[in-house]
Amino acid sequence: MNTKPIYVLLFTLFAVTASQAQLFSKEKIRNLESVDKATISWGYYLGFNNLDFKFDYNSNIGDIQTERTTGFNVGLLGNFRINDYLDLRLEPGLVISQRNLLYQENYFADFDDDISDSDLLREIKSTYVYFPLLLKISTKRVNNFKPFVLAGVSAAINLSSNEKNPDDNSSGDFRMVKNMQFFELGFGIDFYLDRFKFTPSIRGVFAMKDELIRDEDPNSPWTGNISQMQTRGVFINFTVQ
């Protein structure tokens, strides 16, 4: 999926919100001046994700293509203020995504059965219970906006992993590790509106370990050539505090 329109939409949203928040007003009216002084604050977020897989292979017989779709994020925010420029954030939530794996026919050269279209496609539907712990590093507030960068780690439970399923791809079931860890890096802007703080952000998500559960057959056309499979992707979240 081409993510360029998403970036264009996000940039447009930044620009429109900035004008409404009087970012360039000579009067420099400051909204919610004390909102960042609270030691602990709360909020919620809604957003989108676009996830992919990074593959490493045992032999060069062609790449497995990943067809990405746009998923959905929702969750809560707990913010602990360290000082004017540093915050520690916990953002537990739910991440729903789907990725389709498209195999080439040469992966099935030694496959005894006839190849069907269903053999060449694996739909990977994932529902993660997500627990990110992030360090927010902000610049000095300017009028009614404040840019920042985010970095941290997250743990996730994949409720759709099929990890304990005794059936594998020979029965049409693709299996993944249930418990995962990720590294995250991103940026965003806090916009101080009249009644609340609105924060669009974008960040990259990168798995820290292999998450593939291999088939019983070591020569399986679906998993036999994969030495490592790791999630990577983009989250776009809109937070209200």
C-alpha atoms as a PDB file:
ATOM      1  CA  MET A   1       0.000   0.000   0.000  1.00  0.00           C
ATOM      2  CA  ASN A   2       1.275   3.453  -0.936  1.00  0.00           C
ATOM      3  CA  THR A   3       1.586   5.488   2.278  1.00  0.00           C
ATOM      4  CA  LYS A   4       2.301   8.795   0.520  1.00  0.00           C
ATOM      5  CA  PRO A   5      -1.345   9.988   0.761  1.00  0.00           C
ATOM      6  CA  ILE A   6      -1.262   9.343   4.510  1.00  0.00           C
ATOM      7  CA  TYR A   7       1.786  11.589   4.929  1.00  0.00           C
ATOM      8  CA  VAL A   8       0.171  14.276   2.776  1.00  0.00           C
ATOM      9  CA  LEU A   9      -3.008  14.079   4.872  1.00  0.00           C
ATOM     10  CA  LEU A  10      -1.029  14.299   8.101  1.00  0.00           C
ATOM     11  CA  PHE A  11       0.934  17.315   6.871  1.00  0.00           C
ATOM     12  CA  THR A  12      -2.288  19.034   5.797  1.00  0.00           C
ATOM     13  CA  LEU A  13      -3.835  18.378   9.197  1.00  0.00           C
ATOM     14  CA  PHE A  14      -0.796  19.887  10.893  1.00  0.00           C
ATOM     15  CA  ALA A  15      -1.049  23.002   8.726  1.00  0.00           C
ATOM     16  CA  VAL A  16      -4.797  23.493   9.227  1.00  0.00           C
ATOM     17  CA  THR A  17      -4.643  22.952  12.976  1.00  0.00           C
ATOM     18  CA  ALA A  18      -1.669  25.270  13.222  1.00  0.00           C
ATOM     19  CA  SER A  19      -3.569  28.101  11.589  1.00  0.00           C
ATOM     20  CA  GLN A  20      -6.572  27.553  13.846  1.00  0.00           C
ATOM     21  CA  ALA A  21      -4.367  27.585  16.931  1.00  0.00           C
ATOM     22  CA  GLN A  22      -2.960  31.001  15.906  1.00  0.00           C
ATOM     23  CA  LEU A  23       0.583  29.717  15.616  1.00  0.00           C
ATOM     24  CA  PHE A  24       1.612  32.729  13.613  1.00  0.00           C
ATOM     25  CA  SER A  25      -0.509  35.316  15.451  1.00  0.00           C
ATOM     26  CA  LYS A  26       1.425  38.351  16.554  1.00  0.00           C
ATOM     27  CA  GLU A  27      -0.789  38.466  19.650  1.00  0.00           C
ATOM     28  CA  LYS A  28       0.662  35.117  20.798  1.00  0.00           C
ATOM     29  CA  ILE A  29      -2.388  34.124  22.826  1.00  0.00           C
ATOM     30  CA  ARG A  30      -1.372  31.066  24.863  1.00  0.00           C
ATOM     31  CA  ASN A  31      -3.990  28.412  25.554  1.00  0.00           C
ATOM     32  CA  LEU A  32      -3.847  25.984  28.490  1.00  0.00           C
ATOM     33  CA  GLU A  33      -0.714  27.487  29.992  1.00  0.00           C
ATOM     34  CA  SER A  34      -0.688  25.172  33.013  1.00  0.00           C
ATOM     35  CA  VAL A  35      -1.635  21.911  31.277  1.00  0.00           C
ATOM     36  CA  ASP A  36       1.971  20.666  31.115  1.00  0.00           C
ATOM     37  CA  LYS A  37       2.677  21.340  34.801  1.00  0.00           C
ATOM     38  CA  ALA A  38       0.729  18.339  36.105  1.00  0.00           C
ATOM     39  CA  THR A  39       2.980  15.512  37.309  1.00  0.00           C
ATOM     40  CA  ILE A  40       0.549  12.879  35.993  1.00  0.00           C
ATOM     41  CA  SER A  41      -1.955  13.456  33.200  1.00  0.00           C
ATOM     42  CA  TRP A  42      -4.276  11.263  31.150  1.00  0.00           C
ATOM     43  CA  GLY A  43      -5.673  11.070  27.656  1.00  0.00           C
ATOM     44  CA  TYR A  44      -6.707   8.751  24.872  1.00  0.00           C
ATOM     45  CA  TYR A  45      -5.760   8.168  21.243  1.00  0.00           C
ATOM     46  CA  LEU A  46      -7.159   6.902  17.984  1.00  0.00           C
ATOM     47  CA  GLY A  47      -5.088   6.135  14.937  1.00  0.00           C
ATOM     48  CA  PHE A  48      -4.042   4.011  12.009  1.00  0.00           C
ATOM     49  CA  ASN A  49      -1.277   1.543  11.281  1.00  0.00           C
ATOM     50  CA  ASN A  50       0.386   0.174   8.179  1.00  0.00           C
ATOM     51  CA  LEU A  51       2.427  -2.946   8.980  1.00  0.00           C
ATOM     52  CA  ASP A  52       4.841  -4.970   6.886  1.00  0.00           C
ATOM     53  CA  PHE A  53       7.197  -7.921   7.358  1.00  0.00           C
ATOM     54  CA  LYS A  54      10.970  -7.915   6.942  1.00  0.00           C
ATOM     55  CA  PHE A  55      12.208 -11.330   5.747  1.00  0.00           C
ATOM     56  CA  ASP A  56      15.629 -12.946   5.830  1.00  0.00           C
ATOM     57  CA  TYR A  57      15.969 -16.060   3.677  1.00  0.00           C
ATOM     58  CA  ASN A  58      17.974 -19.278   3.764  1.00  0.00           C
ATOM     59  CA  SER A  59      18.398 -19.336  -0.019  1.00  0.00           C
ATOM     60  CA  ASN A  60      17.779 -16.947  -2.882  1.00  0.00           C
ATOM     61  CA  ILE A  61      14.698 -18.375  -4.608  1.00  0.00           C
ATOM     62  CA  GLY A  62      12.718 -15.134  -4.664  1.00  0.00           C
ATOM     63  CA  ASP A  63      11.098 -12.795  -2.180  1.00  0.00           C
ATOM     64  CA  ILE A  64       7.784 -13.282  -0.424  1.00  0.00           C
ATOM     65  CA  GLN A  65       5.711 -10.197  -1.149  1.00  0.00           C
ATOM     66  CA  THR A  66       3.719  -8.526   1.617  1.00  0.00           C
ATOM     67  CA  GLU A  67       0.452  -6.860   0.686  1.00  0.00           C
ATOM     68  CA  ARG A  68      -0.275  -4.294   3.401  1.00  0.00           C
ATOM     69  CA  THR A  69      -3.607  -2.898   4.513  1.00  0.00           C
ATOM     70  CA  THR A  70      -4.487   0.000   6.800  1.00  0.00           C
ATOM     71  CA  GLY A  71      -5.251  -1.080  10.358  1.00  0.00           C
ATOM     72  CA  PHE A  72      -6.672   0.628  13.430  1.00  0.00           C
ATOM     73  CA  ASN A  73      -5.231   1.707  16.811  1.00  0.00           C
ATOM     74  CA  VAL A  74      -7.096   2.765  19.946  1.00  0.00           C
ATOM     75  CA  GLY A  75      -5.917   3.190  23.513  1.00  0.00           C
ATOM     76  CA  LEU A  76      -5.268   5.251  26.622  1.00  0.00           C
ATOM     77  CA  LEU A  77      -2.405   7.551  27.570  1.00  0.00           C
ATOM     78  CA  GLY A  78      -0.731   7.979  30.940  1.00  0.00           C
ATOM     79  CA  ASN A  79       1.897  10.743  31.043  1.00  0.00           C
ATOM     80  CA  PHE A  80       4.465  11.249  33.822  1.00  0.00           C
ATOM     81  CA  ARG A  81       6.196  14.640  33.721  1.00  0.00           C
ATOM     82  CA  ILE A  82       9.931  14.564  34.472  1.00  0.00           C
ATOM     83  CA  ASN A  83      10.660  18.205  33.635  1.00  0.00           C
ATOM     84  CA  ASP A  84       9.711  20.820  31.026  1.00  0.00           C
ATOM     85  CA  TYR A  85      11.346  18.813  28.234  1.00  0.00           C
ATOM     86  CA  LEU A  86      11.074  15.153  29.263  1.00  0.00           C
ATOM     87  CA  ASP A  87       8.003  12.980  29.830  1.00  0.00           C
ATOM     88  CA  LEU A  88       7.561   9.246  30.326  1.00  0.00           C
ATOM     89  CA  ARG A  89       4.481   7.865  28.591  1.00  0.00           C
ATOM     90  CA  LEU A  90       2.562   4.602  28.866  1.00  0.00           C
ATOM     91  CA  GLU A  91       0.119   4.035  25.994  1.00  0.00           C
ATOM     92  CA  PRO A  92      -1.734   0.702  26.466  1.00  0.00           C
ATOM     93  CA  GLY A  93      -4.075  -0.065  23.614  1.00  0.00           C
ATOM     94  CA  LEU A  94      -5.356  -2.352  20.915  1.00  0.00           C
ATOM     95  CA  VAL A  95      -3.762  -2.658  17.463  1.00  0.00           C
ATOM     96  CA  ILE A  96      -5.669  -4.429  14.675  1.00  0.00           C
ATOM     97  CA  SER A  97      -3.953  -5.132  11.362  1.00  0.00           C
ATOM     98  CA  GLN A  98      -3.865  -7.460   8.355  1.00  0.00           C
ATOM     99  CA  ARG A  99      -1.006  -8.430   6.056  1.00  0.00           C
ATOM    100  CA  ASN A 100      -1.285 -10.777   3.070  1.00  0.00           C
ATOM    101  CA  LEU A 101       1.723 -12.897   2.112  1.00  0.00           C
ATOM    102  CA  LEU A 102       2.031 -13.601  -1.614  1.00  0.00           C
ATOM    103  CA  TYR A 103       4.243 -16.587  -2.501  1.00  0.00           C
ATOM    104  CA  GLN A 104       5.894 -17.288  -5.849  1.00  0.00           C
ATOM    105  CA  GLU A 105       5.213 -20.618  -7.554  1.00  0.00           C
ATOM    106  CA  ASN A 106       8.877 -21.638  -7.451  1.00  0.00           C
ATOM    107  CA  TYR A 107       8.512 -21.989  -3.663  1.00  0.00           C
ATOM    108  CA  PHE A 108       6.385 -25.063  -4.442  1.00  0.00           C
ATOM    109  CA  ALA A 109       8.784 -26.755  -6.875  1.00  0.00           C
ATOM    110  CA  ASP A 110       9.067 -29.815  -4.588  1.00  0.00           C
ATOM    111  CA  PHE A 111       5.449 -29.681  -3.437  1.00  0.00           C
ATOM    112  CA  ASP A 112       3.734 -33.025  -4.071  1.00  0.00           C
ATOM    113  CA  ASP A 113       0.175 -31.689  -4.338  1.00  0.00           C
ATOM    114  CA  ASP A 114      -1.286 -29.503  -7.047  1.00  0.00           C
ATOM    115  CA  ILE A 115      -0.835 -25.781  -6.366  1.00  0.00           C
ATOM    116  CA  SER A 116      -3.968 -23.685  -5.930  1.00  0.00           C
ATOM    117  CA  ASP A 117      -4.417 -19.932  -5.534  1.00  0.00           C
ATOM    118  CA  SER A 118      -5.047 -20.492  -1.827  1.00  0.00           C
ATOM    119  CA  ASP A 119      -1.578 -22.089  -1.479  1.00  0.00           C
ATOM    120  CA  LEU A 120       0.048 -18.902  -2.816  1.00  0.00           C
ATOM    121  CA  LEU A 121      -1.739 -16.613  -0.351  1.00  0.00           C
ATOM    122  CA  ARG A 122      -1.652 -16.398   3.427  1.00  0.00           C
ATOM    123  CA  GLU A 123      -3.842 -13.812   5.162  1.00  0.00           C
ATOM    124  CA  ILE A 124      -2.190 -12.738   8.432  1.00  0.00           C
ATOM    125  CA  LYS A 125      -4.761 -11.085  10.687  1.00  0.00           C
ATOM    126  CA  SER A 126      -3.269  -9.747  13.915  1.00  0.00           C
ATOM    127  CA  THR A 127      -4.892  -8.299  17.013  1.00  0.00           C
ATOM    128  CA  TYR A 128      -2.276  -7.000  19.442  1.00  0.00           C
ATOM    129  CA  VAL A 129      -2.832  -5.962  23.037  1.00  0.00           C
ATOM    130  CA  TYR A 130      -0.146  -3.295  23.053  1.00  0.00           C
ATOM    131  CA  PHE A 131       1.939  -1.815  25.924  1.00  0.00           C
ATOM    132  CA  PRO A 132       4.373   0.917  24.761  1.00  0.00           C
ATOM    133  CA  LEU A 133       6.658   2.710  27.228  1.00  0.00           C
ATOM    134  CA  LEU A 134       8.027   5.836  25.565  1.00  0.00           C
ATOM    135  CA  LEU A 135      10.311   8.745  26.391  1.00  0.00           C
ATOM    136  CA  LYS A 136       9.003  12.028  24.992  1.00  0.00           C
ATOM    137  CA  ILE A 137      11.669  14.678  24.349  1.00  0.00           C
ATOM    138  CA  SER A 138      10.108  18.076  23.642  1.00  0.00           C
ATOM    139  CA  THR A 139      11.402  21.411  22.434  1.00  0.00           C
ATOM    140  CA  LYS A 140      10.480  24.678  24.106  1.00  0.00           C
ATOM    141  CA  ARG A 141       6.836  25.597  23.609  1.00  0.00           C
ATOM    142  CA  VAL A 142       6.299  28.285  20.950  1.00  0.00           C
ATOM    143  CA  ASN A 143       2.949  30.061  21.183  1.00  0.00           C
ATOM    144  CA  ASN A 144       0.436  27.170  20.988  1.00  0.00           C
ATOM    145  CA  PHE A 145       2.545  24.345  19.629  1.00  0.00           C
ATOM    146  CA  LYS A 146       5.454  22.209  20.783  1.00  0.00           C
ATOM    147  CA  PRO A 147       7.290  19.644  18.608  1.00  0.00           C
ATOM    148  CA  PHE A 148       8.761  16.511  20.147  1.00  0.00           C
ATOM    149  CA  VAL A 149      10.408  13.190  19.372  1.00  0.00           C
ATOM    150  CA  LEU A 150       9.545   9.808  20.877  1.00  0.00           C
ATOM    151  CA  ALA A 151      11.648   6.726  21.521  1.00  0.00           C
ATOM    152  CA  GLY A 152      10.978   3.600  23.505  1.00  0.00           C
ATOM    153  CA  VAL A 153      10.071  -0.053  23.638  1.00  0.00           C
ATOM    154  CA  SER A 154       6.792  -1.936  23.676  1.00  0.00           C
ATOM    155  CA  ALA A 155       5.491  -5.363  24.556  1.00  0.00           C
ATOM    156  CA  ALA A 156       2.567  -6.916  22.723  1.00  0.00           C
ATOM    157  CA  ILE A 157       0.355  -9.974  22.981  1.00  0.00           C
ATOM    158  CA  ASN A 158      -0.834 -11.213  19.593  1.00  0.00           C
ATOM    159  CA  LEU A 159      -4.275 -12.683  20.253  1.00  0.00           C
ATOM    160  CA  SER A 160      -4.388 -14.067  16.674  1.00  0.00           C
ATOM    161  CA  SER A 161      -0.964 -15.715  16.701  1.00  0.00           C
ATOM    162  CA  ASN A 162      -2.068 -19.404  16.440  1.00  0.00           C
ATOM    163  CA  GLU A 163       1.105 -20.215  18.407  1.00  0.00           C
ATOM    164  CA  LYS A 164      -0.457 -23.205  20.212  1.00  0.00           C
ATOM    165  CA  ASN A 165      -2.423 -24.416  17.195  1.00  0.00           C
ATOM    166  CA  PRO A 166      -1.316 -27.998  16.336  1.00  0.00           C
ATOM    167  CA  ASP A 167      -2.236 -27.379  12.676  1.00  0.00           C
ATOM    168  CA  ASP A 168       0.197 -25.544  10.420  1.00  0.00           C
ATOM    169  CA  ASN A 169       0.271 -24.280   6.833  1.00  0.00           C
ATOM    170  CA  SER A 170      -0.428 -27.738   5.453  1.00  0.00           C
ATOM    171  CA  SER A 171      -3.904 -27.190   6.957  1.00  0.00           C
ATOM    172  CA  GLY A 172      -4.023 -23.521   5.964  1.00  0.00           C
ATOM    173  CA  ASP A 173      -2.970 -22.101   9.358  1.00  0.00           C
ATOM    174  CA  PHE A 174      -0.067 -19.621   9.508  1.00  0.00           C
ATOM    175  CA  ARG A 175       1.445 -19.419  12.990  1.00  0.00           C
ATOM    176  CA  MET A 176       3.315 -16.623  14.780  1.00  0.00           C
ATOM    177  CA  VAL A 177       4.819 -15.995  18.211  1.00  0.00           C
ATOM    178  CA  LYS A 178       2.264 -14.757  20.731  1.00  0.00           C
ATOM    179  CA  ASN A 179       4.481 -12.503  22.879  1.00  0.00           C
ATOM    180  CA  MET A 180       6.451  -9.827  21.040  1.00  0.00           C
ATOM    181  CA  GLN A 181       8.716  -6.868  21.789  1.00  0.00           C
ATOM    182  CA  PHE A 182       9.221  -3.819  19.589  1.00  0.00           C
ATOM    183  CA  PHE A 183      11.422  -0.742  19.326  1.00  0.00           C
ATOM    184  CA  GLU A 184       9.704   2.538  18.432  1.00  0.00           C
ATOM    185  CA  LEU A 185      10.927   5.907  17.167  1.00  0.00           C
ATOM    186  CA  GLY A 186       8.852   8.860  16.007  1.00  0.00           C
ATOM    187  CA  PHE A 187       7.884  12.511  16.260  1.00  0.00           C
ATOM    188  CA  GLY A 188       4.823  14.696  16.710  1.00  0.00           C
ATOM    189  CA  ILE A 189       3.501  18.134  17.635  1.00  0.00           C
ATOM    190  CA  ASP A 190       1.432  19.207  20.631  1.00  0.00           C
ATOM    191  CA  PHE A 191      -1.237  21.747  19.670  1.00  0.00           C
ATOM    192  CA  TYR A 192      -2.745  23.721  22.544  1.00  0.00           C
ATOM    193  CA  LEU A 193      -6.381  24.440  21.710  1.00  0.00           C
ATOM    194  CA  ASP A 194      -8.966  26.278  23.806  1.00  0.00           C
ATOM    195  CA  ARG A 195     -10.175  23.284  25.826  1.00  0.00           C
ATOM    196  CA  PHE A 196      -7.692  20.448  25.257  1.00  0.00           C
ATOM    197  CA  LYS A 197      -4.308  19.515  23.881  1.00  0.00           C
ATOM    198  CA  PHE A 198      -4.402  17.760  20.492  1.00  0.00           C
ATOM    199  CA  THR A 199      -1.376  15.758  19.376  1.00  0.00           C
ATOM    200  CA  PRO A 200      -0.829  14.138  15.963  1.00  0.00           C
ATOM    201  CA  SER A 201       2.205  11.850  15.895  1.00  0.00           C
ATOM    202  CA  ILE A 202       3.849   9.365  13.585  1.00  0.00           C
ATOM    203  CA  ARG A 203       6.330   6.651  14.524  1.00  0.00           C
ATOM    204  CA  GLY A 204       8.093   3.633  13.161  1.00  0.00           C
ATOM    205  CA  VAL A 205       7.710   0.239  14.853  1.00  0.00           C
ATOM    206  CA  PHE A 206      10.346  -2.495  14.556  1.00  0.00           C
ATOM    207  CA  ALA A 207      10.200  -6.031  15.976  1.00  0.00           C
ATOM    208  CA  MET A 208      13.133  -7.126  18.118  1.00  0.00           C
ATOM    209  CA  LYS A 209      12.977 -10.862  17.390  1.00  0.00           C
ATOM    210  CA  ASP A 210      11.845 -13.500  14.914  1.00  0.00           C
ATOM    211  CA  GLU A 211       8.088 -14.039  15.214  1.00  0.00           C
ATOM    212  CA  LEU A 212       7.550 -17.003  12.877  1.00  0.00           C
ATOM    213  CA  ILE A 213       6.415 -20.403  14.139  1.00  0.00           C
ATOM    214  CA  ARG A 214       7.695 -22.864  11.544  1.00  0.00           C
ATOM    215  CA  ASP A 215       5.759 -25.774  10.074  1.00  0.00           C
ATOM    216  CA  GLU A 216       6.412 -29.357  11.189  1.00  0.00           C
ATOM    217  CA  ASP A 217       7.942 -30.119   7.793  1.00  0.00           C
ATOM    218  CA  PRO A 218      11.385 -28.439   7.674  1.00  0.00           C
ATOM    219  CA  ASN A 219      11.023 -28.214   3.873  1.00  0.00           C
ATOM    220  CA  SER A 220       7.623 -26.539   4.041  1.00  0.00           C
ATOM    221  CA  PRO A 221       7.183 -24.171   1.067  1.00  0.00           C
ATOM    222  CA  TRP A 222       5.596 -21.613   3.390  1.00  0.00           C
ATOM    223  CA  THR A 223       8.225 -21.447   6.146  1.00  0.00           C
ATOM    224  CA  GLY A 224      11.202 -23.588   5.098  1.00  0.00           C
ATOM    225  CA  ASN A 225      13.100 -20.787   3.342  1.00  0.00           C
ATOM    226  CA  ILE A 226      12.515 -18.130   6.012  1.00  0.00           C
ATOM    227  CA  SER A 227      15.392 -17.680   8.457  1.00  0.00           C
ATOM    228  CA  GLN A 228      13.768 -14.659  10.139  1.00  0.00           C
ATOM    229  CA  MET A 229      10.475 -12.764   9.904  1.00  0.00           C
ATOM    230  CA  GLN A 230       9.982  -9.479  11.768  1.00  0.00           C
ATOM    231  CA  THR A 231       7.211  -6.901  11.824  1.00  0.00           C
ATOM    232  CA  ARG A 232       7.969  -3.346  10.826  1.00  0.00           C
ATOM    233  CA  GLY A 233       5.551  -0.542  10.116  1.00  0.00           C
ATOM    234  CA  VAL A 234       4.151   2.909  10.789  1.00  0.00           C
ATOM    235  CA  PHE A 235       1.681   4.151  13.419  1.00  0.00           C
ATOM    236  CA  ILE A 236      -0.198   7.435  13.006  1.00  0.00           C
ATOM    237  CA  ASN A 237      -1.995   8.418  16.204  1.00  0.00           C
ATOM    238  CA  PHE A 238      -4.175  11.377  17.208  1.00  0.00           C
ATOM    239  CA  THR A 239      -4.113  12.020  20.955  1.00  0.00           C
ATOM    240  CA  VAL A 240      -6.385  14.175  23.122  1.00  0.00           C
ATOM    241  CA  GLN A 241      -5.357  15.278  26.630  1.00  0.00           C
END
